[in-house]
Amino acid sequence: MYRPSNATSAARREREAFVCSPLCVYVMTAARIRCASTGVRSDHHAMTQTKSQALGALGERIAARWLLRDGWQVVDRRWRSGRRDLDLVAIRDNVVAFVEVKTRRSTWSGGPVEAVNWRKQRELTRSAQAWLDQRGVLLAPTDAVYRFDIVGVVASRERVGVRHVAEAFPAFAAQ
């Protein structure tokens, strides 16, 4: 794998590319890595993630598998728009669930589900509205019912625990 040296200029660094696998070429732009062919941000490169980001990405993959096994279709992962973000957007029948995933190594400092406070709920509501404005017309059913779910993942070295809280909170009124 190619890694630019610290001596390279910022302009050159923005144009450099590297190959992480024979089928995948990524272009490095500043601190972000995007696939050169699709423009999709890559989340599987350890060199761009902190330990907590890697743990969060692992939790999101576990939560997506959990939802798939439960009959949900995951239509969006790690959706971003400016400061707005949604971990997972899943659809089953006519229900669209905006899923917040919280991952912890242990429950020593509290469970992951309890970490979603009223401020985060307000931000999730605003993020869901932005998602609906951008992608909802294409992906959501016309008679859709919307809800907010929380999936808490505790991933210790020995085992993984998952707690799915359906309809975890109501949407905040538009502000």
N, C-alpha and C. Protein backbone atom coordinates (compact mmCIF):
# COMPACT_ATOMS: atom_id res chain seq x y z
N MET A 1 0.84 -1.16 0.00
CA MET A 1 0.00 0.00 0.00
C MET A 1 0.90 1.23 0.00
N TYR A 2 0.52 2.23 -0.75
CA TYR A 2 1.29 3.45 -0.86
C TYR A 2 0.90 4.41 0.24
N ARG A 3 1.86 4.98 0.91
CA ARG A 3 1.60 6.01 1.93
C ARG A 3 2.49 7.20 1.62
N PRO A 4 1.91 8.38 1.45
CA PRO A 4 2.72 9.55 1.13
C PRO A 4 3.59 9.95 2.32
N SER A 5 4.77 10.45 2.03
CA SER A 5 5.65 10.90 3.11
C SER A 5 5.21 12.27 3.58
N ASN A 6 5.68 12.67 4.75
CA ASN A 6 5.33 13.98 5.29
C ASN A 6 5.96 15.10 4.49
N ALA A 7 6.97 14.79 3.70
CA ALA A 7 7.67 15.82 2.95
C ALA A 7 6.91 16.26 1.70
N THR A 8 5.90 15.50 1.27
CA THR A 8 5.18 15.89 0.06
C THR A 8 4.32 17.11 0.32
N SER A 9 4.12 17.91 -0.70
CA SER A 9 3.33 19.13 -0.56
C SER A 9 1.85 18.79 -0.47
N ALA A 10 1.07 19.72 0.07
CA ALA A 10 -0.37 19.51 0.21
C ALA A 10 -1.03 19.37 -1.16
N ALA A 11 -0.58 20.14 -2.14
CA ALA A 11 -1.17 20.05 -3.48
C ALA A 11 -0.94 18.68 -4.09
N ARG A 12 0.26 18.13 -3.91
CA ARG A 12 0.55 16.81 -4.46
C ARG A 12 -0.21 15.73 -3.69
N ARG A 13 -0.31 15.90 -2.37
CA ARG A 13 -1.01 14.92 -1.54
C ARG A 13 -2.48 14.80 -1.94
N GLU A 14 -3.08 15.88 -2.40
CA GLU A 14 -4.48 15.84 -2.80
C GLU A 14 -4.69 15.02 -4.07
N ARG A 15 -3.65 14.81 -4.84
CA ARG A 15 -3.79 14.08 -6.10
C ARG A 15 -3.28 12.64 -6.02
N GLU A 16 -2.65 12.25 -4.94
CA GLU A 16 -2.04 10.94 -4.87
C GLU A 16 -3.08 9.85 -4.67
N ALA A 17 -2.78 8.70 -5.21
CA ALA A 17 -3.69 7.57 -5.11
C ALA A 17 -2.93 6.36 -4.58
N PHE A 18 -3.66 5.41 -4.05
CA PHE A 18 -3.04 4.16 -3.64
C PHE A 18 -4.03 3.05 -3.87
N VAL A 19 -3.53 1.84 -3.87
CA VAL A 19 -4.36 0.67 -4.12
C VAL A 19 -4.42 -0.14 -2.83
N CYS A 20 -5.64 -0.41 -2.37
CA CYS A 20 -5.79 -1.23 -1.16
C CYS A 20 -6.08 -2.67 -1.52
N SER A 21 -6.55 -2.92 -2.72
CA SER A 21 -6.76 -4.26 -3.22
C SER A 21 -6.70 -4.19 -4.74
N PRO A 22 -6.57 -5.31 -5.42
CA PRO A 22 -6.46 -5.26 -6.87
C PRO A 22 -7.66 -4.63 -7.56
N LEU A 23 -8.83 -4.63 -6.91
CA LEU A 23 -10.03 -4.11 -7.55
C LEU A 23 -10.41 -2.71 -7.09
N CYS A 24 -9.60 -2.10 -6.27
CA CYS A 24 -10.00 -0.86 -5.64
C CYS A 24 -8.87 0.16 -5.67
N VAL A 25 -9.12 1.31 -6.24
CA VAL A 25 -8.14 2.40 -6.24
C VAL A 25 -8.76 3.56 -5.50
N TYR A 26 -8.05 4.10 -4.53
CA TYR A 26 -8.56 5.21 -3.74
C TYR A 26 -7.70 6.44 -3.96
N VAL A 27 -8.35 7.59 -4.02
CA VAL A 27 -7.65 8.85 -4.18
C VAL A 27 -7.69 9.57 -2.85
N MET A 28 -6.53 10.00 -2.39
CA MET A 28 -6.44 10.69 -1.12
C MET A 28 -6.63 12.19 -1.36
N THR A 29 -7.60 12.79 -0.70
CA THR A 29 -7.80 14.24 -0.75
C THR A 29 -7.76 14.74 0.68
N ALA A 30 -6.73 15.48 1.00
CA ALA A 30 -6.51 15.99 2.36
C ALA A 30 -6.57 14.82 3.34
N ALA A 31 -7.50 14.86 4.30
CA ALA A 31 -7.56 13.79 5.30
C ALA A 31 -8.61 12.74 4.96
N ARG A 32 -9.28 12.89 3.82
CA ARG A 32 -10.32 11.95 3.45
C ARG A 32 -9.83 11.03 2.35
N ILE A 33 -10.41 9.85 2.30
CA ILE A 33 -10.08 8.90 1.25
C ILE A 33 -11.38 8.55 0.54
N ARG A 34 -11.40 8.72 -0.75
CA ARG A 34 -12.58 8.42 -1.54
C ARG A 34 -12.21 7.51 -2.69
N CYS A 35 -13.13 6.64 -3.05
CA CYS A 35 -12.91 5.74 -4.17
C CYS A 35 -12.87 6.57 -5.45
N ALA A 36 -11.86 6.35 -6.28
CA ALA A 36 -11.69 7.14 -7.48
C ALA A 36 -12.81 6.90 -8.48
N SER A 37 -13.38 5.70 -8.51
CA SER A 37 -14.41 5.41 -9.50
C SER A 37 -15.80 5.82 -9.05
N THR A 38 -16.14 5.63 -7.77
CA THR A 38 -17.50 5.92 -7.31
C THR A 38 -17.60 7.18 -6.47
N GLY A 39 -16.49 7.65 -5.93
CA GLY A 39 -16.53 8.82 -5.05
C GLY A 39 -16.99 8.51 -3.65
N VAL A 40 -17.23 7.24 -3.34
CA VAL A 40 -17.70 6.82 -2.02
C VAL A 40 -16.56 6.85 -1.03
N ARG A 41 -16.84 7.37 0.15
CA ARG A 41 -15.82 7.42 1.18
C ARG A 41 -15.54 6.02 1.71
N SER A 42 -14.29 5.71 1.88
CA SER A 42 -13.90 4.40 2.37
C SER A 42 -13.80 4.43 3.88
N ASP A 43 -14.33 3.40 4.54
CA ASP A 43 -14.20 3.34 5.99
C ASP A 43 -13.41 2.12 6.43
N HIS A 44 -12.72 1.46 5.51
CA HIS A 44 -11.99 0.26 5.91
C HIS A 44 -10.48 0.45 5.90
N HIS A 45 -10.02 1.67 5.85
CA HIS A 45 -8.59 1.92 5.88
C HIS A 45 -8.19 2.35 7.28
N ALA A 46 -7.42 1.52 7.94
CA ALA A 46 -7.05 1.78 9.34
C ALA A 46 -6.21 3.03 9.47
N MET A 47 -5.49 3.42 8.42
CA MET A 47 -4.61 4.57 8.55
C MET A 47 -5.38 5.88 8.69
N THR A 48 -6.67 5.90 8.38
CA THR A 48 -7.45 7.13 8.49
C THR A 48 -8.37 7.13 9.70
N GLN A 49 -8.36 6.08 10.50
CA GLN A 49 -9.29 5.96 11.61
C GLN A 49 -8.59 5.91 12.95
N THR A 50 -9.23 6.51 13.93
CA THR A 50 -8.78 6.34 15.29
C THR A 50 -9.37 5.02 15.81
N LYS A 51 -8.97 4.62 17.00
CA LYS A 51 -9.51 3.38 17.57
C LYS A 51 -11.01 3.49 17.79
N SER A 52 -11.47 4.66 18.26
CA SER A 52 -12.91 4.81 18.50
C SER A 52 -13.69 4.81 17.19
N GLN A 53 -13.12 5.38 16.12
CA GLN A 53 -13.80 5.35 14.83
C GLN A 53 -13.88 3.93 14.29
N ALA A 54 -12.81 3.16 14.47
CA ALA A 54 -12.81 1.77 14.02
C ALA A 54 -13.83 0.96 14.81
N LEU A 55 -13.94 1.22 16.11
CA LEU A 55 -14.93 0.53 16.93
C LEU A 55 -16.34 0.90 16.47
N GLY A 56 -16.56 2.16 16.15
CA GLY A 56 -17.86 2.58 15.65
C GLY A 56 -18.21 1.93 14.32
N ALA A 57 -17.24 1.83 13.42
CA ALA A 57 -17.47 1.18 12.14
C ALA A 57 -17.79 -0.31 12.33
N LEU A 58 -17.09 -0.96 13.26
CA LEU A 58 -17.38 -2.36 13.58
C LEU A 58 -18.79 -2.50 14.09
N GLY A 59 -19.19 -1.63 15.01
CA GLY A 59 -20.55 -1.67 15.55
C GLY A 59 -21.61 -1.47 14.48
N GLU A 60 -21.35 -0.59 13.53
CA GLU A 60 -22.30 -0.37 12.45
C GLU A 60 -22.43 -1.60 11.55
N ARG A 61 -21.32 -2.28 11.30
CA ARG A 61 -21.39 -3.51 10.50
C ARG A 61 -22.17 -4.60 11.24
N ILE A 62 -21.95 -4.72 12.55
CA ILE A 62 -22.67 -5.71 13.36
C ILE A 62 -24.16 -5.37 13.37
N ALA A 63 -24.49 -4.10 13.56
CA ALA A 63 -25.90 -3.68 13.59
C ALA A 63 -26.58 -3.92 12.24
N ALA A 64 -25.87 -3.65 11.15
CA ALA A 64 -26.44 -3.89 9.82
C ALA A 64 -26.75 -5.36 9.63
N ARG A 65 -25.83 -6.24 10.04
CA ARG A 65 -26.09 -7.68 9.93
C ARG A 65 -27.28 -8.09 10.80
N TRP A 66 -27.36 -7.51 11.98
CA TRP A 66 -28.46 -7.81 12.89
C TRP A 66 -29.79 -7.43 12.24
N LEU A 67 -29.85 -6.25 11.64
CA LEU A 67 -31.08 -5.80 10.99
C LEU A 67 -31.42 -6.67 9.77
N LEU A 68 -30.41 -7.05 9.00
CA LEU A 68 -30.63 -7.90 7.83
C LEU A 68 -31.23 -9.25 8.24
N ARG A 69 -30.70 -9.81 9.33
CA ARG A 69 -31.23 -11.09 9.83
C ARG A 69 -32.66 -10.95 10.33
N ASP A 70 -33.03 -9.74 10.74
CA ASP A 70 -34.37 -9.48 11.25
C ASP A 70 -35.35 -9.08 10.14
N GLY A 71 -34.90 -9.13 8.88
CA GLY A 71 -35.79 -8.85 7.76
C GLY A 71 -35.77 -7.44 7.22
N TRP A 72 -34.87 -6.61 7.70
CA TRP A 72 -34.76 -5.24 7.22
C TRP A 72 -33.85 -5.19 6.00
N GLN A 73 -34.10 -4.21 5.15
CA GLN A 73 -33.21 -3.93 4.02
C GLN A 73 -32.48 -2.63 4.34
N VAL A 74 -31.17 -2.69 4.46
CA VAL A 74 -30.38 -1.49 4.76
C VAL A 74 -30.15 -0.75 3.44
N VAL A 75 -30.72 0.46 3.35
CA VAL A 75 -30.63 1.22 2.10
C VAL A 75 -29.55 2.29 2.14
N ASP A 76 -29.10 2.65 3.32
CA ASP A 76 -28.03 3.64 3.44
C ASP A 76 -27.21 3.36 4.68
N ARG A 77 -25.88 3.48 4.53
CA ARG A 77 -24.94 3.32 5.65
C ARG A 77 -24.05 4.54 5.71
N ARG A 78 -23.83 5.02 6.92
CA ARG A 78 -22.92 6.15 7.15
C ARG A 78 -23.22 7.33 6.23
N TRP A 79 -24.48 7.69 6.13
CA TRP A 79 -24.90 8.81 5.28
C TRP A 79 -24.46 10.12 5.92
N ARG A 80 -23.88 10.99 5.12
CA ARG A 80 -23.39 12.28 5.60
C ARG A 80 -23.87 13.39 4.68
N SER A 81 -24.19 14.52 5.29
CA SER A 81 -24.51 15.73 4.54
C SER A 81 -24.12 16.91 5.43
N GLY A 82 -22.96 17.48 5.15
CA GLY A 82 -22.45 18.54 6.02
C GLY A 82 -22.17 17.97 7.40
N ARG A 83 -22.77 18.59 8.44
CA ARG A 83 -22.58 18.06 9.79
C ARG A 83 -23.60 16.97 10.12
N ARG A 84 -24.58 16.81 9.28
CA ARG A 84 -25.63 15.81 9.53
C ARG A 84 -25.12 14.42 9.17
N ASP A 85 -25.51 13.45 9.99
CA ASP A 85 -25.11 12.07 9.69
C ASP A 85 -26.14 11.09 10.25
N LEU A 86 -26.29 9.99 9.53
CA LEU A 86 -27.12 8.88 9.97
C LEU A 86 -26.28 7.62 9.84
N ASP A 87 -26.30 6.78 10.86
CA ASP A 87 -25.51 5.55 10.82
C ASP A 87 -26.10 4.56 9.82
N LEU A 88 -27.39 4.25 9.98
CA LEU A 88 -28.05 3.30 9.08
C LEU A 88 -29.47 3.80 8.79
N VAL A 89 -29.92 3.54 7.58
CA VAL A 89 -31.32 3.76 7.22
C VAL A 89 -31.80 2.41 6.68
N ALA A 90 -32.86 1.89 7.31
CA ALA A 90 -33.35 0.55 6.95
C ALA A 90 -34.84 0.62 6.64
N ILE A 91 -35.27 -0.26 5.73
CA ILE A 91 -36.68 -0.32 5.33
C ILE A 91 -37.16 -1.76 5.44
N ARG A 92 -38.35 -1.91 6.03
CA ARG A 92 -39.05 -3.21 6.06
C ARG A 92 -40.52 -2.92 5.87
N ASP A 93 -41.11 -3.54 4.85
CA ASP A 93 -42.50 -3.27 4.46
C ASP A 93 -42.63 -1.77 4.16
N ASN A 94 -43.47 -1.05 4.88
CA ASN A 94 -43.59 0.39 4.64
C ASN A 94 -42.99 1.21 5.78
N VAL A 95 -42.15 0.60 6.60
CA VAL A 95 -41.53 1.29 7.74
C VAL A 95 -40.09 1.66 7.38
N VAL A 96 -39.76 2.93 7.56
CA VAL A 96 -38.40 3.41 7.37
C VAL A 96 -37.84 3.72 8.75
N ALA A 97 -36.74 3.07 9.11
CA ALA A 97 -36.12 3.27 10.41
C ALA A 97 -34.79 3.99 10.24
N PHE A 98 -34.65 5.09 10.95
CA PHE A 98 -33.37 5.80 11.04
C PHE A 98 -32.68 5.25 12.28
N VAL A 99 -31.57 4.57 12.08
CA VAL A 99 -30.95 3.80 13.15
C VAL A 99 -29.67 4.46 13.61
N GLU A 100 -29.60 4.75 14.89
CA GLU A 100 -28.38 5.24 15.51
C GLU A 100 -27.71 4.05 16.17
N VAL A 101 -26.43 3.86 15.88
CA VAL A 101 -25.68 2.74 16.43
C VAL A 101 -24.66 3.29 17.42
N LYS A 102 -24.69 2.76 18.63
CA LYS A 102 -23.71 3.11 19.65
C LYS A 102 -22.96 1.85 20.04
N THR A 103 -21.65 1.94 20.03
CA THR A 103 -20.81 0.78 20.33
C THR A 103 -19.90 1.07 21.50
N ARG A 104 -19.77 0.12 22.37
CA ARG A 104 -18.88 0.22 23.52
C ARG A 104 -18.10 -1.08 23.65
N ARG A 105 -16.93 -1.00 24.30
CA ARG A 105 -16.15 -2.20 24.62
C ARG A 105 -16.68 -2.88 25.87
N SER A 106 -17.29 -2.10 26.78
CA SER A 106 -17.86 -2.67 28.00
C SER A 106 -19.00 -1.76 28.45
N THR A 107 -19.74 -2.24 29.45
CA THR A 107 -20.83 -1.42 30.00
C THR A 107 -20.41 -0.76 31.31
N TRP A 108 -19.12 -0.72 31.55
CA TRP A 108 -18.61 -0.16 32.80
C TRP A 108 -19.06 1.28 33.01
N SER A 109 -19.06 2.10 31.97
CA SER A 109 -19.45 3.50 32.10
C SER A 109 -20.88 3.74 31.62
N GLY A 110 -21.69 2.69 31.55
CA GLY A 110 -23.07 2.81 31.11
C GLY A 110 -23.28 2.10 29.79
N GLY A 111 -24.52 1.78 29.52
CA GLY A 111 -24.85 1.07 28.29
C GLY A 111 -24.83 1.99 27.09
N PRO A 112 -24.64 1.43 25.92
CA PRO A 112 -24.57 2.26 24.72
C PRO A 112 -25.89 2.93 24.37
N VAL A 113 -27.01 2.29 24.65
CA VAL A 113 -28.31 2.86 24.29
C VAL A 113 -28.58 4.13 25.10
N GLU A 114 -28.17 4.13 26.35
CA GLU A 114 -28.41 5.29 27.21
C GLU A 114 -27.58 6.50 26.80
N ALA A 115 -26.60 6.31 25.94
CA ALA A 115 -25.74 7.42 25.50
C ALA A 115 -26.44 8.34 24.51
N VAL A 116 -27.60 7.96 24.00
CA VAL A 116 -28.32 8.81 23.04
C VAL A 116 -29.23 9.74 23.84
N ASN A 117 -28.72 10.94 24.12
CA ASN A 117 -29.46 11.90 24.93
C ASN A 117 -30.36 12.77 24.06
N TRP A 118 -31.03 13.75 24.68
CA TRP A 118 -31.99 14.57 23.94
C TRP A 118 -31.32 15.41 22.85
N ARG A 119 -30.09 15.82 23.06
CA ARG A 119 -29.40 16.59 22.01
C ARG A 119 -29.14 15.72 20.77
N LYS A 120 -28.69 14.50 21.00
CA LYS A 120 -28.45 13.58 19.90
C LYS A 120 -29.76 13.23 19.20
N GLN A 121 -30.82 13.08 19.96
CA GLN A 121 -32.13 12.81 19.36
C GLN A 121 -32.57 13.96 18.46
N ARG A 122 -32.35 15.18 18.92
CA ARG A 122 -32.69 16.36 18.10
C ARG A 122 -31.87 16.38 16.82
N GLU A 123 -30.56 16.07 16.92
CA GLU A 123 -29.71 16.04 15.73
C GLU A 123 -30.10 14.92 14.79
N LEU A 124 -30.49 13.76 15.32
CA LEU A 124 -30.95 12.67 14.48
C LEU A 124 -32.23 13.05 13.73
N THR A 125 -33.14 13.76 14.39
CA THR A 125 -34.36 14.21 13.75
C THR A 125 -34.03 15.14 12.59
N ARG A 126 -33.11 16.06 12.81
CA ARG A 126 -32.71 16.99 11.75
C ARG A 126 -32.00 16.26 10.61
N SER A 127 -31.16 15.28 10.96
CA SER A 127 -30.47 14.49 9.94
C SER A 127 -31.47 13.69 9.11
N ALA A 128 -32.48 13.12 9.78
CA ALA A 128 -33.49 12.35 9.06
C ALA A 128 -34.24 13.25 8.08
N GLN A 129 -34.54 14.46 8.49
CA GLN A 129 -35.23 15.39 7.59
C GLN A 129 -34.35 15.71 6.38
N ALA A 130 -33.06 15.90 6.60
CA ALA A 130 -32.14 16.16 5.49
C ALA A 130 -32.06 14.94 4.57
N TRP A 131 -32.04 13.73 5.14
CA TRP A 131 -32.01 12.52 4.31
C TRP A 131 -33.27 12.42 3.47
N LEU A 132 -34.43 12.71 4.09
CA LEU A 132 -35.69 12.65 3.35
C LEU A 132 -35.70 13.66 2.20
N ASP A 133 -35.15 14.85 2.46
CA ASP A 133 -35.10 15.87 1.42
C ASP A 133 -34.22 15.43 0.25
N GLN A 134 -33.11 14.76 0.55
CA GLN A 134 -32.16 14.36 -0.50
C GLN A 134 -32.46 13.02 -1.13
N ARG A 135 -32.76 12.00 -0.32
CA ARG A 135 -32.84 10.64 -0.83
C ARG A 135 -34.18 9.96 -0.62
N GLY A 136 -35.01 10.52 0.24
CA GLY A 136 -36.25 9.87 0.62
C GLY A 136 -37.21 9.66 -0.54
N VAL A 137 -37.23 10.60 -1.48
CA VAL A 137 -38.12 10.49 -2.62
C VAL A 137 -37.79 9.24 -3.44
N LEU A 138 -36.50 8.92 -3.53
CA LEU A 138 -36.07 7.78 -4.33
C LEU A 138 -36.18 6.45 -3.59
N LEU A 139 -35.88 6.45 -2.30
CA LEU A 139 -35.74 5.19 -1.58
C LEU A 139 -36.93 4.82 -0.68
N ALA A 140 -37.63 5.80 -0.16
CA ALA A 140 -38.70 5.51 0.80
C ALA A 140 -40.01 5.19 0.07
N PRO A 141 -40.80 4.24 0.59
CA PRO A 141 -42.11 3.96 0.00
C PRO A 141 -43.03 5.18 0.12
N THR A 142 -44.01 5.27 -0.75
CA THR A 142 -44.89 6.45 -0.74
C THR A 142 -45.74 6.52 0.53
N ASP A 143 -46.13 5.39 1.08
CA ASP A 143 -46.96 5.37 2.30
C ASP A 143 -46.12 5.05 3.54
N ALA A 144 -44.90 5.51 3.57
CA ALA A 144 -43.95 5.13 4.61
C ALA A 144 -44.33 5.68 5.98
N VAL A 145 -43.99 4.89 6.99
CA VAL A 145 -44.06 5.29 8.38
C VAL A 145 -42.62 5.40 8.85
N TYR A 146 -42.29 6.51 9.52
CA TYR A 146 -40.90 6.76 9.91
C TYR A 146 -40.75 6.57 11.41
N ARG A 147 -39.58 6.03 11.79
CA ARG A 147 -39.31 5.87 13.22
C ARG A 147 -37.80 5.94 13.46
N PHE A 148 -37.45 6.12 14.72
CA PHE A 148 -36.05 6.19 15.13
C PHE A 148 -35.75 5.01 16.03
N ASP A 149 -34.75 4.22 15.64
CA ASP A 149 -34.32 3.07 16.41
C ASP A 149 -32.90 3.31 16.92
N ILE A 150 -32.57 2.64 17.99
CA ILE A 150 -31.20 2.67 18.51
C ILE A 150 -30.74 1.22 18.62
N VAL A 151 -29.54 0.96 18.11
CA VAL A 151 -28.93 -0.35 18.28
C VAL A 151 -27.67 -0.15 19.12
N GLY A 152 -27.66 -0.77 20.28
CA GLY A 152 -26.49 -0.73 21.15
C GLY A 152 -25.68 -1.99 20.99
N VAL A 153 -24.39 -1.83 20.75
CA VAL A 153 -23.50 -2.97 20.56
C VAL A 153 -22.41 -2.92 21.63
N VAL A 154 -22.25 -4.01 22.35
CA VAL A 154 -21.14 -4.15 23.30
C VAL A 154 -20.24 -5.23 22.73
N ALA A 155 -19.06 -4.80 22.26
CA ALA A 155 -18.13 -5.72 21.59
C ALA A 155 -16.88 -5.87 22.44
N SER A 156 -16.89 -6.85 23.32
CA SER A 156 -15.70 -7.14 24.12
C SER A 156 -14.87 -8.17 23.37
N ARG A 157 -13.73 -8.52 23.94
CA ARG A 157 -12.86 -9.50 23.28
C ARG A 157 -13.51 -10.89 23.24
N GLU A 158 -14.31 -11.21 24.25
CA GLU A 158 -14.88 -12.55 24.36
C GLU A 158 -16.17 -12.72 23.57
N ARG A 159 -17.03 -11.68 23.55
CA ARG A 159 -18.33 -11.84 22.91
C ARG A 159 -18.90 -10.50 22.48
N VAL A 160 -19.98 -10.57 21.72
CA VAL A 160 -20.67 -9.38 21.22
C VAL A 160 -22.11 -9.43 21.67
N GLY A 161 -22.59 -8.34 22.23
CA GLY A 161 -23.99 -8.24 22.63
C GLY A 161 -24.66 -7.13 21.83
N VAL A 162 -25.90 -7.39 21.40
CA VAL A 162 -26.65 -6.41 20.61
C VAL A 162 -28.00 -6.18 21.27
N ARG A 163 -28.37 -4.91 21.40
CA ARG A 163 -29.68 -4.54 21.93
C ARG A 163 -30.33 -3.58 20.94
N HIS A 164 -31.47 -3.99 20.37
CA HIS A 164 -32.18 -3.17 19.39
C HIS A 164 -33.41 -2.58 20.07
N VAL A 165 -33.47 -1.26 20.14
CA VAL A 165 -34.62 -0.58 20.72
C VAL A 165 -35.41 0.04 19.56
N ALA A 166 -36.53 -0.57 19.24
CA ALA A 166 -37.40 -0.05 18.16
C ALA A 166 -38.20 1.13 18.69
N GLU A 167 -38.43 2.11 17.83
CA GLU A 167 -39.18 3.32 18.20
C GLU A 167 -38.64 3.89 19.51
N ALA A 168 -37.35 4.14 19.53
CA ALA A 168 -36.68 4.55 20.76
C ALA A 168 -37.11 5.94 21.24
N PHE A 169 -37.45 6.82 20.32
CA PHE A 169 -37.89 8.16 20.71
C PHE A 169 -38.72 8.75 19.58
N PRO A 170 -39.61 9.70 19.93
CA PRO A 170 -40.38 10.36 18.87
C PRO A 170 -39.54 11.44 18.21
N ALA A 171 -39.93 11.84 17.03
CA ALA A 171 -39.21 12.90 16.32
C ALA A 171 -39.47 14.23 17.01
N PHE A 172 -38.43 15.06 17.07
CA PHE A 172 -38.57 16.41 17.59
C PHE A 172 -39.33 17.24 16.57
N ALA A 173 -40.08 18.22 17.04
CA ALA A 173 -40.76 19.14 16.12
C ALA A 173 -39.71 19.95 15.37
N ALA A 174 -40.02 20.31 14.14
CA ALA A 174 -39.06 21.08 13.32
C ALA A 174 -38.74 22.39 14.02
N GLN A 175 -37.43 22.69 14.06
CA GLN A 175 -36.98 23.92 14.75
C GLN A 175 -36.13 24.73 13.83
